[in-house]
C-alpha atoms as a PDB file:
ATOM      1  CA  MET A   1      93.649 104.574  93.231  1.00  0.00           C
ATOM      2  CA  GLY A   2      94.676 100.814  93.832  1.00  0.00           C
ATOM      3  CA  LEU A   3      97.842  99.332  93.023  1.00  0.00           C
ATOM      4  CA  ASN A   4      96.842  95.649  92.424  1.00  0.00           C
ATOM      5  CA  ARG A   5      94.444  93.718  90.188  1.00  0.00           C
ATOM      6  CA  LEU A   6      94.066  90.851  92.704  1.00  0.00           C
ATOM      7  CA  LYS A   7      90.213  91.026  92.941  1.00  0.00           C
ATOM      8  CA  VAL A   8      89.913  91.236  89.232  1.00  0.00           C
ATOM      9  CA  VAL A   9      92.435  88.331  88.533  1.00  0.00           C
ATOM     10  CA  LEU A  10      90.540  86.156  91.280  1.00  0.00           C
ATOM     11  CA  ALA A  11      87.210  86.904  89.533  1.00  0.00           C
ATOM     12  CA  GLU A  12      88.764  85.904  86.141  1.00  0.00           C
ATOM     13  CA  GLN A  13      89.820  82.482  87.556  1.00  0.00           C
ATOM     14  CA  LYS A  14      86.620  82.144  89.582  1.00  0.00           C
ATOM     15  CA  ARG A  15      88.567  82.006  92.822  1.00  0.00           C
ATOM     16  CA  THR A  16      87.740  83.502  95.999  1.00  0.00           C
ATOM     17  CA  GLY A  17      89.655  85.485  98.451  1.00  0.00           C
ATOM     18  CA  LYS A  18      88.988  82.861 101.055  1.00  0.00           C
ATOM     19  CA  TRP A  19      90.517  80.219  98.693  1.00  0.00           C
ATOM     20  CA  LEU A  20      93.692  82.463  98.298  1.00  0.00           C
ATOM     21  CA  ALA A  21      93.927  82.860 102.010  1.00  0.00           C
ATOM     22  CA  GLU A  22      93.839  79.263 102.704  1.00  0.00           C
ATOM     23  CA  THR A  23      96.309  78.612  99.969  1.00  0.00           C
ATOM     24  CA  LEU A  24      98.811  81.226 101.239  1.00  0.00           C
ATOM     25  CA  GLY A  25      98.114  80.531 104.842  1.00  0.00           C
ATOM     26  CA  LYS A  26      97.082  83.921 105.476  1.00  0.00           C
ATOM     27  CA  ASN A  27      94.157  85.619 107.372  1.00  0.00           C
ATOM     28  CA  GLU A  28      91.164  85.997 105.092  1.00  0.00           C
ATOM     29  CA  ALA A  29      90.816  89.604 106.253  1.00  0.00           C
ATOM     30  CA  THR A  30      94.070  90.414 105.232  1.00  0.00           C
ATOM     31  CA  VAL A  31      93.513  88.985 101.701  1.00  0.00           C
ATOM     32  CA  PHE A  32      90.289  91.176 101.598  1.00  0.00           C
ATOM     33  CA  ARG A  33      92.154  94.360 102.406  1.00  0.00           C
ATOM     34  CA  TRP A  34      94.472  93.484  99.352  1.00  0.00           C
ATOM     35  CA  CYS A  35      91.580  92.929  97.164  1.00  0.00           C
ATOM     36  CA  ALA A  36      89.976  96.013  98.219  1.00  0.00           C
ATOM     37  CA  ASN A  37      93.492  97.970  97.743  1.00  0.00           C
ATOM     38  CA  VAL A  38      93.250  99.089 101.507  1.00  0.00           C
ATOM     39  CA  SER A  39      96.699  97.572 101.930  1.00  0.00           C
ATOM     40  CA  GLN A  40      99.189  95.818  99.587  1.00  0.00           C
ATOM     41  CA  PRO A  41     100.831  92.466  99.835  1.00  0.00           C
ATOM     42  CA  SER A  42     104.549  92.352 100.214  1.00  0.00           C
ATOM     43  CA  LEU A  43     106.772  91.774  97.171  1.00  0.00           C
ATOM     44  CA  GLU A  44     107.445  88.251  98.509  1.00  0.00           C
ATOM     45  CA  THR A  45     103.733  87.663  98.993  1.00  0.00           C
ATOM     46  CA  LEU A  46     103.043  88.828  95.417  1.00  0.00           C
ATOM     47  CA  PHE A  47     105.300  86.087  94.131  1.00  0.00           C
ATOM     48  CA  GLU A  48     103.616  83.583  96.361  1.00  0.00           C
ATOM     49  CA  ILE A  49     100.288  84.867  94.794  1.00  0.00           C
ATOM     50  CA  GLU A  50     101.732  84.585  91.270  1.00  0.00           C
ATOM     51  CA  LYS A  51     102.558  81.019  91.819  1.00  0.00           C
ATOM     52  CA  ALA A  52      99.065  80.084  93.399  1.00  0.00           C
ATOM     53  CA  LEU A  53      97.178  81.652  90.636  1.00  0.00           C
ATOM     54  CA  ASN A  54      99.647  80.573  87.902  1.00  0.00           C
ATOM     55  CA  VAL A  55      99.929  84.108  86.373  1.00  0.00           C
ATOM     56  CA  ASP A  56     102.711  86.595  85.751  1.00  0.00           C
ATOM     57  CA  VAL A  57     103.206  88.927  88.764  1.00  0.00           C
ATOM     58  CA  ARG A  58     102.795  91.749  86.174  1.00  0.00           C
ATOM     59  CA  GLU A  59      99.115  90.702  85.763  1.00  0.00           C
ATOM     60  CA  LEU A  60      98.653  91.460  89.458  1.00  0.00           C
ATOM     61  CA  LEU A  61      99.813  95.149  89.181  1.00  0.00           C
ATOM     62  CA  ILE A  62      98.235  98.055  87.828  1.00  0.00           C
ATOM     63  CA  SER A  63     100.831  99.886  85.588  1.00  0.00           C
ATOM     64  CA  THR A  64     101.748 103.576  86.745  1.00  0.00           C
ATOM     65  CA  LYS A  65     103.914 104.186  83.497  1.00  0.00           C
ATOM     66  CA  ASN A  66     102.446 106.771  81.372  1.00  0.00           C
ATOM     67  CA  ASP A  67     102.295 105.434  77.826  1.00  0.00           C
ATOM     68  CA  LYS A  68     101.975 108.753  76.202  1.00  0.00           C
ATOM     69  CA  GLY A  69     105.187 109.443  74.519  1.00  0.00           C
END
């Protein structure tokens, strides 16, 4: 199971991994691995992504909390 929703958020904003890679100064293959949940960005990078996409960092993450009381 993946830990991030980066691919979903990029699609919602009609942005590409290539755009994000260029914006962050990262390798496009690295961003692809994040989108595929093969690897995860660092916490510092997550906050850079948050700024680039103008979203709350929590929107980039999949909750692991069990909401059943």
